[in-house]
PDB file of N, CA and C in Angstrom:
ATOM      1  N   UNK A   1      88.738  46.523  95.534  1.00  0.00           N
ATOM      2  CA  UNK A   1      88.610  47.657  94.785  1.00  0.00           C
ATOM      3  C   UNK A   1      88.579  48.837  95.735  1.00  0.00           C
ATOM      4  N   UNK A   2      89.084  49.926  95.267  1.00  0.00           N
ATOM      5  CA  UNK A   2      89.276  51.116  96.074  1.00  0.00           C
ATOM      6  C   UNK A   2      88.014  51.887  96.205  1.00  0.00           C
ATOM      7  N   UNK A   3      87.745  52.488  97.401  1.00  0.00           N
ATOM      8  CA  UNK A   3      86.620  53.277  97.533  1.00  0.00           C
ATOM      9  C   UNK A   3      86.515  54.552  96.501  1.00  0.00           C
ATOM     10  N   UNK A   4      85.489  54.822  96.271  1.00  0.00           N
ATOM     11  CA  UNK A   4      85.250  55.987  95.247  1.00  0.00           C
ATOM     12  C   UNK A   4      85.309  57.255  96.225  1.00  0.00           C
ATOM     13  N   UNK A   5      86.191  58.185  95.768  1.00  0.00           N
ATOM     14  CA  UNK A   5      86.381  59.407  96.599  1.00  0.00           C
ATOM     15  C   UNK A   5      85.238  60.408  96.376  1.00  0.00           C
ATOM     16  N   UNK A   6      84.858  61.255  97.353  1.00  0.00           N
ATOM     17  CA  UNK A   6      83.981  62.338  97.102  1.00  0.00           C
ATOM     18  C   UNK A   6      84.629  63.306  96.376  1.00  0.00           C
ATOM     19  N   UNK A   7      83.941  64.323  95.806  1.00  0.00           N
ATOM     20  CA  UNK A   7      84.628  65.291  95.014  1.00  0.00           C
ATOM     21  C   UNK A   7      85.542  66.283  95.894  1.00  0.00           C
ATOM     22  N   UNK A   8      85.126  66.335  97.149  1.00  0.00           N
ATOM     23  CA  UNK A   8      85.953  67.182  98.055  1.00  0.00           C
ATOM     24  C   UNK A   8      87.202  66.477  98.330  1.00  0.00           C
ATOM     25  N   UNK A   9      87.148  65.193  98.535  1.00  0.00           N
ATOM     26  CA  UNK A   9      88.405  64.292  98.922  1.00  0.00           C
ATOM     27  C   UNK A   9      89.408  64.346  97.727  1.00  0.00           C
ATOM     28  N   UNK A  10      88.677  64.184  96.475  1.00  0.00           N
ATOM     29  CA  UNK A  10      89.569  64.228  95.233  1.00  0.00           C
ATOM     30  C   UNK A  10      90.232  65.502  95.117  1.00  0.00           C
ATOM     31  N   UNK A  11      89.452  66.528  95.260  1.00  0.00           N
ATOM     32  CA  UNK A  11      90.036  67.961  95.077  1.00  0.00           C
ATOM     33  C   UNK A  11      91.244  68.137  96.113  1.00  0.00           C
ATOM     34  N   UNK A  12      91.145  67.664  97.380  1.00  0.00           N
ATOM     35  CA  UNK A  12      91.998  67.813  98.340  1.00  0.00           C
ATOM     36  C   UNK A  12      93.184  67.056  98.011  1.00  0.00           C
ATOM     37  N   UNK A  13      93.143  65.737  97.418  1.00  0.00           N
ATOM     38  CA  UNK A  13      94.292  65.035  96.915  1.00  0.00           C
ATOM     39  C   UNK A  13      94.998  65.794  95.802  1.00  0.00           C
ATOM     40  N   UNK A  14      94.275  66.259  94.761  1.00  0.00           N
ATOM     41  CA  UNK A  14      94.901  66.924  93.776  1.00  0.00           C
ATOM     42  C   UNK A  14      95.541  68.294  94.193  1.00  0.00           C
ATOM     43  N   UNK A  15      95.122  68.971  95.184  1.00  0.00           N
ATOM     44  CA  UNK A  15      95.727  70.158  95.753  1.00  0.00           C
ATOM     45  C   UNK A  15      97.135  69.757  96.420  1.00  0.00           C
ATOM     46  N   UNK A  16      97.049  68.604  97.062  1.00  0.00           N
ATOM     47  CA  UNK A  16      98.314  68.273  97.824  1.00  0.00           C
ATOM     48  C   UNK A  16      99.337  67.901  96.707  1.00  0.00           C
ATOM     49  N   UNK A  17      98.923  67.176  95.669  1.00  0.00           N
ATOM     50  CA  UNK A  17      99.799  66.886  94.549  1.00  0.00           C
ATOM     51  C   UNK A  17     100.413  67.976  93.776  1.00  0.00           C
ATOM     52  N   UNK A  18      99.435  68.885  93.623  1.00  0.00           N
ATOM     53  CA  UNK A  18      99.911  70.226  92.881  1.00  0.00           C
ATOM     54  C   UNK A  18     100.889  70.922  93.723  1.00  0.00           C
ATOM     55  N   UNK A  19     100.923  70.912  95.126  1.00  0.00           N
ATOM     56  CA  UNK A  19     101.736  71.511  95.858  1.00  0.00           C
ATOM     57  C   UNK A  19     103.164  70.818  96.007  1.00  0.00           C
ATOM     58  N   UNK A  20     103.267  69.624  95.624  1.00  0.00           N
ATOM     59  CA  UNK A  20     104.559  68.928  95.729  1.00  0.00           C
ATOM     60  C   UNK A  20     105.510  69.354  94.649  1.00  0.00           C
ATOM     61  N   UNK A  21     106.666  69.246  94.944  1.00  0.00           N
ATOM     62  CA  UNK A  21     107.775  69.394  93.708  1.00  0.00           C
ATOM     63  C   UNK A  21     107.793  67.821  93.145  1.00  0.00           C
ATOM     64  N   UNK A  22     108.339  67.834  91.877  1.00  0.00           N
ATOM     65  CA  UNK A  22     108.508  66.659  91.001  1.00  0.00           C
ATOM     66  C   UNK A  22     109.363  65.598  91.808  1.00  0.00           C
ATOM     67  N   UNK A  23     110.297  66.182  92.410  1.00  0.00           N
ATOM     68  CA  UNK A  23     111.226  65.289  93.286  1.00  0.00           C
ATOM     69  C   UNK A  23     110.464  64.624  94.409  1.00  0.00           C
ATOM     70  N   UNK A  24     109.457  65.092  94.947  1.00  0.00           N
ATOM     71  CA  UNK A  24     108.675  64.542  96.021  1.00  0.00           C
ATOM     72  C   UNK A  24     107.693  63.463  95.575  1.00  0.00           C
ATOM     73  N   UNK A  25     107.347  63.429  94.364  1.00  0.00           N
ATOM     74  CA  UNK A  25     106.473  62.459  93.786  1.00  0.00           C
ATOM     75  C   UNK A  25     107.153  61.093  93.407  1.00  0.00           C
ATOM     76  N   UNK A  26     106.787  59.976  94.134  1.00  0.00           N
ATOM     77  CA  UNK A  26     107.482  58.702  94.119  1.00  0.00           C
ATOM     78  C   UNK A  26     106.779  58.133  92.728  1.00  0.00           C
ATOM     79  N   UNK A  27     107.527  57.912  91.716  1.00  0.00           N
ATOM     80  CA  UNK A  27     107.097  57.372  90.322  1.00  0.00           C
ATOM     81  C   UNK A  27     107.804  56.075  90.160  1.00  0.00           C
ATOM     82  N   UNK A  28     108.571  55.552  91.038  1.00  0.00           N
ATOM     83  CA  UNK A  28     109.409  54.337  90.950  1.00  0.00           C
ATOM     84  C   UNK A  28     108.573  53.056  90.356  1.00  0.00           C
ATOM     85  N   UNK A  29     107.222  53.074  90.763  1.00  0.00           N
ATOM     86  CA  UNK A  29     106.439  51.954  90.357  1.00  0.00           C
ATOM     87  C   UNK A  29     105.857  52.048  89.000  1.00  0.00           C
ATOM     88  N   UNK A  30     106.148  53.155  88.380  1.00  0.00           N
ATOM     89  CA  UNK A  30     105.500  53.394  86.905  1.00  0.00           C
ATOM     90  C   UNK A  30     106.623  53.138  86.036  1.00  0.00           C
ATOM     91  N   UNK A  31     106.333  51.923  85.113  1.00  0.00           N
ATOM     92  CA  UNK A  31     107.532  51.676  84.209  1.00  0.00           C
ATOM     93  C   UNK A  31     107.689  52.786  83.142  1.00  0.00           C
ATOM     94  N   UNK A  32     108.849  52.906  82.566  1.00  0.00           N
ATOM     95  CA  UNK A  32     109.162  53.837  81.484  1.00  0.00           C
ATOM     96  C   UNK A  32     108.625  53.176  80.212  1.00  0.00           C
ATOM     97  N   UNK A  33     108.172  54.050  79.315  1.00  0.00           N
ATOM     98  CA  UNK A  33     107.809  53.584  78.027  1.00  0.00           C
ATOM     99  C   UNK A  33     108.866  53.402  77.085  1.00  0.00           C
ATOM    100  N   UNK A  34     108.921  52.315  76.349  1.00  0.00           N
ATOM    101  CA  UNK A  34     109.904  52.220  75.340  1.00  0.00           C
ATOM    102  C   UNK A  34     109.698  53.268  74.226  1.00  0.00           C
ATOM    103  N   UNK A  35     110.736  53.642  73.308  1.00  0.00           N
ATOM    104  CA  UNK A  35     110.572  54.685  72.368  1.00  0.00           C
ATOM    105  C   UNK A  35     109.535  54.165  71.298  1.00  0.00           C
ATOM    106  N   UNK A  36     109.431  52.787  71.086  1.00  0.00           N
ATOM    107  CA  UNK A  36     108.570  52.352  70.016  1.00  0.00           C
ATOM    108  C   UNK A  36     107.170  52.614  70.321  1.00  0.00           C
ATOM    109  N   UNK A  37     106.685  52.871  71.587  1.00  0.00           N
ATOM    110  CA  UNK A  37     105.391  53.070  71.944  1.00  0.00           C
ATOM    111  C   UNK A  37     104.919  54.516  71.271  1.00  0.00           C
ATOM    112  N   UNK A  38     105.811  55.325  71.011  1.00  0.00           N
ATOM    113  CA  UNK A  38     105.510  56.644  70.400  1.00  0.00           C
ATOM    114  C   UNK A  38     105.611  56.784  68.850  1.00  0.00           C
ATOM    115  N   UNK A  39     105.926  55.615  68.403  1.00  0.00           N
ATOM    116  CA  UNK A  39     106.066  55.637  66.825  1.00  0.00           C
ATOM    117  C   UNK A  39     104.812  56.173  66.036  1.00  0.00           C
ATOM    118  N   UNK A  40     103.634  55.947  66.600  1.00  0.00           N
ATOM    119  CA  UNK A  40     102.474  56.323  65.761  1.00  0.00           C
ATOM    120  C   UNK A  40     101.688  57.395  66.614  1.00  0.00           C
ATOM    121  N   UNK A  41     102.339  57.975  67.591  1.00  0.00           N
ATOM    122  CA  UNK A  41     101.766  59.187  68.421  1.00  0.00           C
ATOM    123  C   UNK A  41     101.550  60.325  67.471  1.00  0.00           C
ATOM    124  N   UNK A  42     100.468  60.993  67.721  1.00  0.00           N
ATOM    125  CA  UNK A  42     100.131  62.174  66.860  1.00  0.00           C
ATOM    126  C   UNK A  42      99.581  63.245  67.903  1.00  0.00           C
ATOM    127  N   UNK A  43      99.857  64.512  67.702  1.00  0.00           N
ATOM    128  CA  UNK A  43      99.298  65.565  68.519  1.00  0.00           C
ATOM    129  C   UNK A  43      97.844  65.927  67.881  1.00  0.00           C
ATOM    130  N   UNK A  44      96.884  66.065  68.772  1.00  0.00           N
ATOM    131  CA  UNK A  44      95.617  66.381  68.252  1.00  0.00           C
ATOM    132  C   UNK A  44      95.689  67.685  67.422  1.00  0.00           C
ATOM    133  N   UNK A  45      94.874  67.734  66.448  1.00  0.00           N
ATOM    134  CA  UNK A  45      94.825  68.890  65.573  1.00  0.00           C
ATOM    135  C   UNK A  45      95.767  69.064  64.562  1.00  0.00           C
ATOM    136  N   UNK A  46      96.766  68.244  64.618  1.00  0.00           N
ATOM    137  CA  UNK A  46      97.881  68.293  63.619  1.00  0.00           C
ATOM    138  C   UNK A  46      97.872  67.272  62.467  1.00  0.00           C
ATOM    139  N   UNK A  47      96.855  66.495  62.515  1.00  0.00           N
ATOM    140  CA  UNK A  47      96.722  65.441  61.535  1.00  0.00           C
ATOM    141  C   UNK A  47      96.254  65.937  60.194  1.00  0.00           C
ATOM    142  N   UNK A  48      96.839  65.363  59.226  1.00  0.00           N
ATOM    143  CA  UNK A  48      96.579  65.953  57.767  1.00  0.00           C
ATOM    144  C   UNK A  48      95.108  65.601  57.395  1.00  0.00           C
ATOM    145  N   UNK A  49      94.399  66.454  56.751  1.00  0.00           N
ATOM    146  CA  UNK A  49      93.003  66.319  56.543  1.00  0.00           C
ATOM    147  C   UNK A  49      92.916  65.458  55.211  1.00  0.00           C
ATOM    148  N   UNK A  50      91.905  64.777  55.119  1.00  0.00           N
ATOM    149  CA  UNK A  50      91.684  64.090  53.818  1.00  0.00           C
ATOM    150  C   UNK A  50      91.107  64.829  52.741  1.00  0.00           C
TER     151      UNK A  50
END
């Protein structure tokens, strides 16, 4: 299991990621979601009230 980061370490990692362009971030190990995963997706606050 990975070590828990301190708040300062986490903030430093997030700052480095924020400074990177999208092309620099390696997402090859993240599988794409098939379209059917979004079939029942809803945006918060747009659901019909009952």
